[in-house]
Full PDB file with SEQRES, HELIX, SHEET, SSBOND, CRYST1, ORIGX, SCALE, CONECT and MASTER records, all heavy atoms in Angstrom:
SEQRES   1 A   37  THR ALA PHE PHE LEU HIS LEU THR ILE ASP THR PRO LYS          
SEQRES   2 A   37  PRO VAL VAL LEU VAL GLY ALA MET ARG PRO ALA SER ALA          
SEQRES   3 A   37  PRO SER ALA ASP GLY PRO LEU ASN LEU LEU ASN                  
HELIX    1 AA1 ALA A    2  THR A    8  1                                   7    
HELIX    2 AA2 GLY A   31  LEU A   36  1                                   6    
CRYST1    1.000    1.000    1.000  90.00  90.00  90.00 P 1           1          
ORIGX1      1.000000  0.000000  0.000000        0.00000                         
ORIGX2      0.000000  1.000000  0.000000        0.00000                         
ORIGX3      0.000000  0.000000  1.000000        0.00000                         
SCALE1      1.000000  0.000000  0.000000        0.00000                         
SCALE2      0.000000  1.000000  0.000000        0.00000                         
SCALE3      0.000000  0.000000  1.000000        0.00000                         
ATOM      1  N   THR A   1     -60.402 -25.377   8.095  1.00  0.00           N  
ATOM      2  CA  THR A   1     -58.996 -25.061   7.816  1.00  0.00           C  
ATOM      3  C   THR A   1     -58.095 -26.242   8.150  1.00  0.00           C  
ATOM      4  O   THR A   1     -57.158 -26.556   7.411  1.00  0.00           O  
ATOM      5  CB  THR A   1     -58.567 -23.817   8.600  1.00  0.00           C  
ATOM      6  OG1 THR A   1     -59.354 -22.695   8.175  1.00  0.00           O  
ATOM      7  CG2 THR A   1     -57.097 -23.503   8.389  1.00  0.00           C  
ATOM      8  N   ALA A   2     -58.378 -26.915   9.257  1.00  0.00           N  
ATOM      9  CA  ALA A   2     -57.565 -28.073   9.647  1.00  0.00           C  
ATOM     10  C   ALA A   2     -57.612 -29.151   8.579  1.00  0.00           C  
ATOM     11  O   ALA A   2     -56.581 -29.756   8.238  1.00  0.00           O  
ATOM     12  CB  ALA A   2     -58.052 -28.626  10.989  1.00  0.00           C  
ATOM     13  N   PHE A   3     -58.791 -29.400   8.017  1.00  0.00           N  
ATOM     14  CA  PHE A   3     -58.903 -30.438   6.998  1.00  0.00           C  
ATOM     15  C   PHE A   3     -58.228 -30.008   5.694  1.00  0.00           C  
ATOM     16  O   PHE A   3     -57.585 -30.817   5.023  1.00  0.00           O  
ATOM     17  CB  PHE A   3     -60.366 -30.793   6.745  1.00  0.00           C  
ATOM     18  CG  PHE A   3     -60.535 -31.982   5.833  1.00  0.00           C  
ATOM     19  CD1 PHE A   3     -60.201 -33.250   6.265  1.00  0.00           C  
ATOM     20  CD2 PHE A   3     -61.008 -31.823   4.544  1.00  0.00           C  
ATOM     21  CE1 PHE A   3     -60.324 -34.351   5.416  1.00  0.00           C  
ATOM     22  CE2 PHE A   3     -61.149 -32.908   3.693  1.00  0.00           C  
ATOM     23  CZ  PHE A   3     -60.805 -34.186   4.132  1.00  0.00           C  
ATOM     24  N   PHE A   4     -58.354 -28.728   5.340  1.00  0.00           N  
ATOM     25  CA  PHE A   4     -57.668 -28.239   4.136  1.00  0.00           C  
ATOM     26  C   PHE A   4     -56.158 -28.406   4.291  1.00  0.00           C  
ATOM     27  O   PHE A   4     -55.476 -28.845   3.353  1.00  0.00           O  
ATOM     28  CB  PHE A   4     -58.013 -26.769   3.885  1.00  0.00           C  
ATOM     29  CG  PHE A   4     -57.408 -26.213   2.626  1.00  0.00           C  
ATOM     30  CD1 PHE A   4     -58.040 -26.385   1.400  1.00  0.00           C  
ATOM     31  CD2 PHE A   4     -56.197 -25.540   2.649  1.00  0.00           C  
ATOM     32  CE1 PHE A   4     -57.479 -25.889   0.231  1.00  0.00           C  
ATOM     33  CE2 PHE A   4     -55.628 -25.039   1.486  1.00  0.00           C  
ATOM     34  CZ  PHE A   4     -56.276 -25.217   0.271  1.00  0.00           C  
ATOM     35  N   LEU A   5     -55.623 -28.068   5.454  1.00  0.00           N  
ATOM     36  CA  LEU A   5     -54.191 -28.247   5.692  1.00  0.00           C  
ATOM     37  C   LEU A   5     -53.820 -29.725   5.669  1.00  0.00           C  
ATOM     38  O   LEU A   5     -52.756 -30.109   5.175  1.00  0.00           O  
ATOM     39  CB  LEU A   5     -53.786 -27.611   7.015  1.00  0.00           C  
ATOM     40  CG  LEU A   5     -53.901 -26.084   7.098  1.00  0.00           C  
ATOM     41  CD1 LEU A   5     -53.505 -25.592   8.488  1.00  0.00           C  
ATOM     42  CD2 LEU A   5     -53.057 -25.396   6.033  1.00  0.00           C  
ATOM     43  N   HIS A   6     -54.686 -30.563   6.202  1.00  0.00           N  
ATOM     44  CA  HIS A   6     -54.452 -32.014   6.158  1.00  0.00           C  
ATOM     45  C   HIS A   6     -54.292 -32.491   4.715  1.00  0.00           C  
ATOM     46  O   HIS A   6     -53.437 -33.339   4.416  1.00  0.00           O  
ATOM     47  CB  HIS A   6     -55.602 -32.744   6.840  1.00  0.00           C  
ATOM     48  CG  HIS A   6     -55.699 -34.196   6.489  1.00  0.00           C  
ATOM     49  ND1 HIS A   6     -54.855 -35.150   6.999  1.00  0.00           N  
ATOM     50  CD2 HIS A   6     -56.544 -34.852   5.627  1.00  0.00           C  
ATOM     51  CE1 HIS A   6     -55.169 -36.340   6.494  1.00  0.00           C  
ATOM     52  NE2 HIS A   6     -56.181 -36.192   5.658  1.00  0.00           N  
ATOM     53  N   LEU A   7     -55.109 -31.951   3.814  1.00  0.00           N  
ATOM     54  CA  LEU A   7     -55.070 -32.371   2.419  1.00  0.00           C  
ATOM     55  C   LEU A   7     -53.856 -31.837   1.676  1.00  0.00           C  
ATOM     56  O   LEU A   7     -53.391 -32.466   0.719  1.00  0.00           O  
ATOM     57  CB  LEU A   7     -56.327 -31.900   1.685  1.00  0.00           C  
ATOM     58  CG  LEU A   7     -57.659 -32.567   2.031  1.00  0.00           C  
ATOM     59  CD1 LEU A   7     -58.783 -31.917   1.238  1.00  0.00           C  
ATOM     60  CD2 LEU A   7     -57.622 -34.068   1.770  1.00  0.00           C  
ATOM     61  N   THR A   8     -53.341 -30.684   2.095  1.00  0.00           N  
ATOM     62  CA  THR A   8     -52.355 -29.972   1.274  1.00  0.00           C  
ATOM     63  C   THR A   8     -50.971 -29.820   1.901  1.00  0.00           C  
ATOM     64  O   THR A   8     -50.054 -29.358   1.223  1.00  0.00           O  
ATOM     65  CB  THR A   8     -52.871 -28.569   0.911  1.00  0.00           C  
ATOM     66  OG1 THR A   8     -53.146 -27.835   2.124  1.00  0.00           O  
ATOM     67  CG2 THR A   8     -54.150 -28.646   0.091  1.00  0.00           C  
ATOM     68  N   ILE A   9     -50.808 -30.200   3.159  1.00  0.00           N  
ATOM     69  CA  ILE A   9     -49.513 -30.045   3.835  1.00  0.00           C  
ATOM     70  C   ILE A   9     -48.987 -31.409   4.251  1.00  0.00           C  
ATOM     71  O   ILE A   9     -49.675 -32.175   4.921  1.00  0.00           O  
ATOM     72  CB  ILE A   9     -49.632 -29.142   5.088  1.00  0.00           C  
ATOM     73  CG1 ILE A   9     -50.161 -27.763   4.730  1.00  0.00           C  
ATOM     74  CG2 ILE A   9     -48.289 -29.058   5.802  1.00  0.00           C  
ATOM     75  CD1 ILE A   9     -49.251 -26.954   3.823  1.00  0.00           C  
ATOM     76  N   ASP A  10     -47.758 -31.700   3.853  1.00  0.00           N  
ATOM     77  CA  ASP A  10     -47.114 -32.949   4.246  1.00  0.00           C  
ATOM     78  C   ASP A  10     -45.725 -32.622   4.774  1.00  0.00           C  
ATOM     79  O   ASP A  10     -44.815 -32.300   4.012  1.00  0.00           O  
ATOM     80  CB  ASP A  10     -47.027 -33.899   3.046  1.00  0.00           C  
ATOM     81  CG  ASP A  10     -46.510 -35.274   3.441  1.00  0.00           C  
ATOM     82  OD1 ASP A  10     -46.519 -35.576   4.647  1.00  0.00           O  
ATOM     83  OD2 ASP A  10     -46.105 -36.042   2.549  1.00  0.00           O  
ATOM     84  N   THR A  11     -45.586 -32.639   6.066  1.00  0.00           N  
ATOM     85  CA  THR A  11     -44.308 -32.329   6.706  1.00  0.00           C  
ATOM     86  C   THR A  11     -44.194 -33.149   7.990  1.00  0.00           C  
ATOM     87  O   THR A  11     -45.195 -33.397   8.663  1.00  0.00           O  
ATOM     88  CB  THR A  11     -44.203 -30.826   7.039  1.00  0.00           C  
ATOM     89  OG1 THR A  11     -42.980 -30.594   7.756  1.00  0.00           O  
ATOM     90  CG2 THR A  11     -45.362 -30.341   7.888  1.00  0.00           C  
ATOM     91  N   PRO A  12     -42.990 -33.576   8.341  1.00  0.00           N  
ATOM     92  CA  PRO A  12     -42.826 -34.262   9.627  1.00  0.00           C  
ATOM     93  C   PRO A  12     -42.922 -33.311  10.814  1.00  0.00           C  
ATOM     94  O   PRO A  12     -43.129 -33.754  11.953  1.00  0.00           O  
ATOM     95  CB  PRO A  12     -41.428 -34.865   9.518  1.00  0.00           C  
ATOM     96  CG  PRO A  12     -40.714 -33.985   8.536  1.00  0.00           C  
ATOM     97  CD  PRO A  12     -41.757 -33.563   7.553  1.00  0.00           C  
ATOM     98  N   LYS A  13     -42.792 -32.014  10.567  1.00  0.00           N  
ATOM     99  CA  LYS A  13     -42.820 -31.047  11.658  1.00  0.00           C  
ATOM    100  C   LYS A  13     -44.250 -30.859  12.186  1.00  0.00           C  
ATOM    101  O   LYS A  13     -45.211 -30.925  11.416  1.00  0.00           O  
ATOM    102  CB  LYS A  13     -42.270 -29.700  11.184  1.00  0.00           C  
ATOM    103  CG  LYS A  13     -40.809 -29.748  10.760  1.00  0.00           C  
ATOM    104  CD  LYS A  13     -40.324 -28.404  10.253  1.00  0.00           C  
ATOM    105  CE  LYS A  13     -38.873 -28.460   9.811  1.00  0.00           C  
ATOM    106  NZ  LYS A  13     -38.381 -27.157   9.302  1.00  0.00           N  
ATOM    107  N   PRO A  14     -44.402 -30.600  13.483  1.00  0.00           N  
ATOM    108  CA  PRO A  14     -45.744 -30.376  14.027  1.00  0.00           C  
ATOM    109  C   PRO A  14     -46.393 -29.120  13.450  1.00  0.00           C  
ATOM    110  O   PRO A  14     -45.764 -28.054  13.368  1.00  0.00           O  
ATOM    111  CB  PRO A  14     -45.491 -30.203  15.530  1.00  0.00           C  
ATOM    112  CG  PRO A  14     -44.159 -30.837  15.780  1.00  0.00           C  
ATOM    113  CD  PRO A  14     -43.367 -30.615  14.527  1.00  0.00           C  
ATOM    114  N   VAL A  15     -47.636 -29.261  13.025  1.00  0.00           N  
ATOM    115  CA  VAL A  15     -48.472 -28.141  12.606  1.00  0.00           C  
ATOM    116  C   VAL A  15     -49.719 -28.189  13.486  1.00  0.00           C  
ATOM    117  O   VAL A  15     -50.501 -29.128  13.402  1.00  0.00           O  
ATOM    118  CB  VAL A  15     -48.857 -28.225  11.118  1.00  0.00           C  
ATOM    119  CG1 VAL A  15     -49.795 -27.087  10.744  1.00  0.00           C  
ATOM    120  CG2 VAL A  15     -47.611 -28.212  10.234  1.00  0.00           C  
ATOM    121  N   VAL A  16     -49.882 -27.195  14.351  1.00  0.00           N  
ATOM    122  CA  VAL A  16     -50.897 -27.233  15.401  1.00  0.00           C  
ATOM    123  C   VAL A  16     -51.844 -26.047  15.276  1.00  0.00           C  
ATOM    124  O   VAL A  16     -51.399 -24.896  15.256  1.00  0.00           O  
ATOM    125  CB  VAL A  16     -50.238 -27.218  16.797  1.00  0.00           C  
ATOM    126  CG1 VAL A  16     -51.301 -27.322  17.889  1.00  0.00           C  
ATOM    127  CG2 VAL A  16     -49.220 -28.347  16.930  1.00  0.00           C  
ATOM    128  N   LEU A  17     -53.138 -26.318  15.186  1.00  0.00           N  
ATOM    129  CA  LEU A  17     -54.149 -25.255  15.237  1.00  0.00           C  
ATOM    130  C   LEU A  17     -54.735 -25.193  16.641  1.00  0.00           C  
ATOM    131  O   LEU A  17     -54.939 -26.229  17.297  1.00  0.00           O  
ATOM    132  CB  LEU A  17     -55.272 -25.514  14.235  1.00  0.00           C  
ATOM    133  CG  LEU A  17     -54.927 -25.286  12.770  1.00  0.00           C  
ATOM    134  CD1 LEU A  17     -54.470 -26.591  12.125  1.00  0.00           C  
ATOM    135  CD2 LEU A  17     -56.113 -24.723  11.995  1.00  0.00           C  
ATOM    136  N   VAL A  18     -55.007 -23.964  17.083  1.00  0.00           N  
ATOM    137  CA  VAL A  18     -55.546 -23.770  18.424  1.00  0.00           C  
ATOM    138  C   VAL A  18     -56.509 -22.594  18.408  1.00  0.00           C  
ATOM    139  O   VAL A  18     -56.339 -21.640  17.654  1.00  0.00           O  
ATOM    140  CB  VAL A  18     -54.406 -23.538  19.450  1.00  0.00           C  
ATOM    141  CG1 VAL A  18     -53.611 -22.275  19.125  1.00  0.00           C  
ATOM    142  CG2 VAL A  18     -54.942 -23.479  20.875  1.00  0.00           C  
ATOM    143  N   GLY A  19     -57.540 -22.682  19.233  1.00  0.00           N  
ATOM    144  CA  GLY A  19     -58.507 -21.600  19.355  1.00  0.00           C  
ATOM    145  C   GLY A  19     -59.017 -21.506  20.781  1.00  0.00           C  
ATOM    146  O   GLY A  19     -58.413 -22.058  21.713  1.00  0.00           O  
ATOM    147  N   ALA A  20     -60.115 -20.818  20.945  1.00  0.00           N  
ATOM    148  CA  ALA A  20     -60.722 -20.662  22.270  1.00  0.00           C  
ATOM    149  C   ALA A  20     -62.227 -20.555  22.104  1.00  0.00           C  
ATOM    150  O   ALA A  20     -62.721 -20.102  21.062  1.00  0.00           O  
ATOM    151  CB  ALA A  20     -60.176 -19.429  22.980  1.00  0.00           C  
ATOM    152  N   MET A  21     -62.934 -20.951  23.133  1.00  0.00           N  
ATOM    153  CA  MET A  21     -64.390 -20.848  23.134  1.00  0.00           C  
ATOM    154  C   MET A  21     -64.875 -19.633  23.915  1.00  0.00           C  
ATOM    155  O   MET A  21     -66.041 -19.263  23.835  1.00  0.00           O  
ATOM    156  CB  MET A  21     -65.000 -22.124  23.721  1.00  0.00           C  
ATOM    157  CG  MET A  21     -64.802 -23.358  22.866  1.00  0.00           C  
ATOM    158  SD  MET A  21     -65.500 -23.186  21.204  1.00  0.00           S  
ATOM    159  CE  MET A  21     -67.229 -22.962  21.615  1.00  0.00           C  
ATOM    160  N   ARG A  22     -63.986 -19.026  24.674  1.00  0.00           N  
ATOM    161  CA  ARG A  22     -64.355 -17.848  25.459  1.00  0.00           C  
ATOM    162  C   ARG A  22     -63.362 -16.724  25.194  1.00  0.00           C  
ATOM    163  O   ARG A  22     -62.165 -16.982  25.032  1.00  0.00           O  
ATOM    164  CB  ARG A  22     -64.393 -18.188  26.956  1.00  0.00           C  
ATOM    165  CG  ARG A  22     -65.505 -19.178  27.301  1.00  0.00           C  
ATOM    166  CD  ARG A  22     -65.456 -19.633  28.740  1.00  0.00           C  
ATOM    167  NE  ARG A  22     -66.553 -20.540  29.025  1.00  0.00           N  
ATOM    168  CZ  ARG A  22     -66.684 -21.251  30.136  1.00  0.00           C  
ATOM    169  NH1 ARG A  22     -65.738 -21.161  31.082  1.00  0.00           N  
ATOM    170  NH2 ARG A  22     -67.718 -22.057  30.309  1.00  0.00           N  
ATOM    171  N   PRO A  23     -63.838 -15.483  25.150  1.00  0.00           N  
ATOM    172  CA  PRO A  23     -62.941 -14.367  24.850  1.00  0.00           C  
ATOM    173  C   PRO A  23     -61.921 -14.134  25.961  1.00  0.00           C  
ATOM    174  O   PRO A  23     -62.102 -14.588  27.099  1.00  0.00           O  
ATOM    175  CB  PRO A  23     -63.896 -13.183  24.713  1.00  0.00           C  
ATOM    176  CG  PRO A  23     -65.071 -13.548  25.569  1.00  0.00           C  
ATOM    177  CD  PRO A  23     -65.222 -15.035  25.409  1.00  0.00           C  
ATOM    178  N   ALA A  24     -60.870 -13.410  25.622  1.00  0.00           N  
ATOM    179  CA  ALA A  24     -59.801 -13.149  26.585  1.00  0.00           C  
ATOM    180  C   ALA A  24     -60.281 -12.347  27.784  1.00  0.00           C  
ATOM    181  O   ALA A  24     -59.673 -12.384  28.854  1.00  0.00           O  
ATOM    182  CB  ALA A  24     -58.652 -12.422  25.892  1.00  0.00           C  
ATOM    183  N   SER A  25     -61.384 -11.605  27.618  1.00  0.00           N  
ATOM    184  CA  SER A  25     -61.904 -10.772  28.700  1.00  0.00           C  
ATOM    185  C   SER A  25     -62.721 -11.554  29.715  1.00  0.00           C  
ATOM    186  O   SER A  25     -63.058 -11.032  30.785  1.00  0.00           O  
ATOM    187  CB  SER A  25     -62.779  -9.653  28.105  1.00  0.00           C  
ATOM    188  OG  SER A  25     -63.782 -10.208  27.258  1.00  0.00           O  
ATOM    189  N   ALA A  26     -63.060 -12.805  29.433  1.00  0.00           N  
ATOM    190  CA  ALA A  26     -63.886 -13.600  30.347  1.00  0.00           C  
ATOM    191  C   ALA A  26     -63.080 -14.033  31.563  1.00  0.00           C  
ATOM    192  O   ALA A  26     -61.880 -14.296  31.464  1.00  0.00           O  
ATOM    193  CB  ALA A  26     -64.426 -14.821  29.619  1.00  0.00           C  
ATOM    194  N   PRO A  27     -63.710 -14.127  32.723  1.00  0.00           N  
ATOM    195  CA  PRO A  27     -62.986 -14.563  33.919  1.00  0.00           C  
ATOM    196  C   PRO A  27     -62.508 -16.008  33.819  1.00  0.00           C  
ATOM    197  O   PRO A  27     -61.604 -16.412  34.540  1.00  0.00           O  
ATOM    198  CB  PRO A  27     -64.017 -14.387  35.048  1.00  0.00           C  
ATOM    199  CG  PRO A  27     -65.342 -14.364  34.363  1.00  0.00           C  
ATOM    200  CD  PRO A  27     -65.122 -13.758  33.021  1.00  0.00           C  
ATOM    201  N   SER A  28     -63.108 -16.785  32.941  1.00  0.00           N  
ATOM    202  CA  SER A  28     -62.705 -18.181  32.761  1.00  0.00           C  
ATOM    203  C   SER A  28     -62.208 -18.426  31.338  1.00  0.00           C  
ATOM    204  O   SER A  28     -62.476 -19.467  30.742  1.00  0.00           O  
ATOM    205  CB  SER A  28     -63.887 -19.108  33.060  1.00  0.00           C  
ATOM    206  OG  SER A  28     -65.012 -18.743  32.255  1.00  0.00           O  
ATOM    207  N   ALA A  29     -61.478 -17.466  30.787  1.00  0.00           N  
ATOM    208  CA  ALA A  29     -60.987 -17.572  29.408  1.00  0.00           C  
ATOM    209  C   ALA A  29     -60.130 -18.829  29.238  1.00  0.00           C  
ATOM    210  O   ALA A  29     -59.253 -19.108  30.050  1.00  0.00           O  
ATOM    211  CB  ALA A  29     -60.186 -16.330  29.051  1.00  0.00           C  
ATOM    212  N   ASP A  30     -60.403 -19.582  28.177  1.00  0.00           N  
ATOM    213  CA  ASP A  30     -59.656 -20.808  27.918  1.00  0.00           C  
ATOM    214  C   ASP A  30     -58.509 -20.611  26.925  1.00  0.00           C  
ATOM    215  O   ASP A  30     -57.669 -21.485  26.772  1.00  0.00           O  
ATOM    216  CB  ASP A  30     -60.595 -21.912  27.410  1.00  0.00           C  
ATOM    217  CG  ASP A  30     -61.390 -21.482  26.170  1.00  0.00           C  
ATOM    218  OD1 ASP A  30     -61.750 -20.298  26.075  1.00  0.00           O  
ATOM    219  OD2 ASP A  30     -61.671 -22.336  25.317  1.00  0.00           O  
ATOM    220  N   GLY A  31     -58.456 -19.440  26.293  1.00  0.00           N  
ATOM    221  CA  GLY A  31     -57.441 -19.191  25.287  1.00  0.00           C  
ATOM    222  C   GLY A  31     -56.004 -19.289  25.774  1.00  0.00           C  
ATOM    223  O   GLY A  31     -55.166 -19.941  25.125  1.00  0.00           O  
ATOM    224  N   PRO A  32     -55.653 -18.644  26.904  1.00  0.00           N  
ATOM    225  CA  PRO A  32     -54.253 -18.686  27.347  1.00  0.00           C  
ATOM    226  C   PRO A  32     -53.719 -20.099  27.562  1.00  0.00           C  
ATOM    227  O   PRO A  32     -52.620 -20.426  27.098  1.00  0.00           O  
ATOM    228  CB  PRO A  32     -54.285 -17.884  28.653  1.00  0.00           C  
ATOM    229  CG  PRO A  32     -55.417 -16.922  28.453  1.00  0.00           C  
ATOM    230  CD  PRO A  32     -56.453 -17.689  27.710  1.00  0.00           C  
ATOM    231  N   LEU A  33     -54.479 -20.951  28.257  1.00  0.00           N  
ATOM    232  CA  LEU A  33     -54.004 -22.318  28.479  1.00  0.00           C  
ATOM    233  C   LEU A  33     -53.994 -23.117  27.180  1.00  0.00           C  
ATOM    234  O   LEU A  33     -53.083 -23.916  26.936  1.00  0.00           O  
ATOM    235  CB  LEU A  33     -54.865 -23.023  29.523  1.00  0.00           C  
ATOM    236  CG  LEU A  33     -54.427 -24.456  29.894  1.00  0.00           C  
ATOM    237  CD1 LEU A  33     -52.980 -24.481  30.375  1.00  0.00           C  
ATOM    238  CD2 LEU A  33     -55.359 -25.060  30.942  1.00  0.00           C  
ATOM    239  N   ASN A  34     -55.011 -22.906  26.340  1.00  0.00           N  
ATOM    240  CA  ASN A  34     -55.017 -23.609  25.059  1.00  0.00           C  
ATOM    241  C   ASN A  34     -53.766 -23.263  24.239  1.00  0.00           C  
ATOM    242  O   ASN A  34     -53.125 -24.142  23.662  1.00  0.00           O  
ATOM    243  CB  ASN A  34     -56.267 -23.247  24.257  1.00  0.00           C  
ATOM    244  CG  ASN A  34     -57.506 -23.971  24.744  1.00  0.00           C  
ATOM    245  OD1 ASN A  34     -57.433 -24.894  25.546  1.00  0.00           O  
ATOM    246  ND2 ASN A  34     -58.659 -23.548  24.258  1.00  0.00           N  
ATOM    247  N   LEU A  35     -53.425 -21.983  24.195  1.00  0.00           N  
ATOM    248  CA  LEU A  35     -52.251 -21.564  23.432  1.00  0.00           C  
ATOM    249  C   LEU A  35     -50.970 -22.098  24.068  1.00  0.00           C  
ATOM    250  O   LEU A  35     -50.053 -22.557  23.367  1.00  0.00           O  
ATOM    251  CB  LEU A  35     -52.199 -20.043  23.324  1.00  0.00           C  
ATOM    252  CG  LEU A  35     -51.015 -19.450  22.544  1.00  0.00           C  
ATOM    253  CD1 LEU A  35     -50.884 -20.086  21.168  1.00  0.00           C  
ATOM    254  CD2 LEU A  35     -51.145 -17.940  22.430  1.00  0.00           C  
ATOM    255  N   LEU A  36     -50.896 -22.044  25.385  1.00  0.00           N  
ATOM    256  CA  LEU A  36     -49.725 -22.587  26.080  1.00  0.00           C  
ATOM    257  C   LEU A  36     -49.551 -24.066  25.742  1.00  0.00           C  
ATOM    258  O   LEU A  36     -48.442 -24.532  25.447  1.00  0.00           O  
ATOM    259  CB  LEU A  36     -49.909 -22.399  27.589  1.00  0.00           C  
ATOM    260  CG  LEU A  36     -48.679 -22.484  28.489  1.00  0.00           C  
ATOM    261  CD1 LEU A  36     -47.672 -21.403  28.135  1.00  0.00           C  
ATOM    262  CD2 LEU A  36     -49.084 -22.368  29.952  1.00  0.00           C  
ATOM    263  N   ASN A  37     -50.658 -24.809  25.773  1.00  0.00           N  
ATOM    264  CA  ASN A  37     -50.595 -26.240  25.451  1.00  0.00           C  
ATOM    265  C   ASN A  37     -50.234 -26.482  23.987  1.00  0.00           C  
ATOM    266  O   ASN A  37     -49.516 -27.435  23.664  1.00  0.00           O  
ATOM    267  CB  ASN A  37     -51.926 -26.915  25.780  1.00  0.00           C  
ATOM    268  CG  ASN A  37     -52.122 -27.134  27.266  1.00  0.00           C  
ATOM    269  OD1 ASN A  37     -51.156 -27.118  28.027  1.00  0.00           O  
ATOM    270  ND2 ASN A  37     -53.352 -27.328  27.691  1.00  0.00           N  
TER     271      ASN A  37                                                      
MASTER        0    0    0    2    0    0    0    6  270    1    0    3          
END                                                                             
């Protein structure tokens, strides 16, 4: 998806994709900090 957007979107505004490797239920979930960042 990131590469498709790279090919088809041209804007000076930030376009940021974010995900997580661990679910929200995990004691060490990385999603909240990734989204905050």
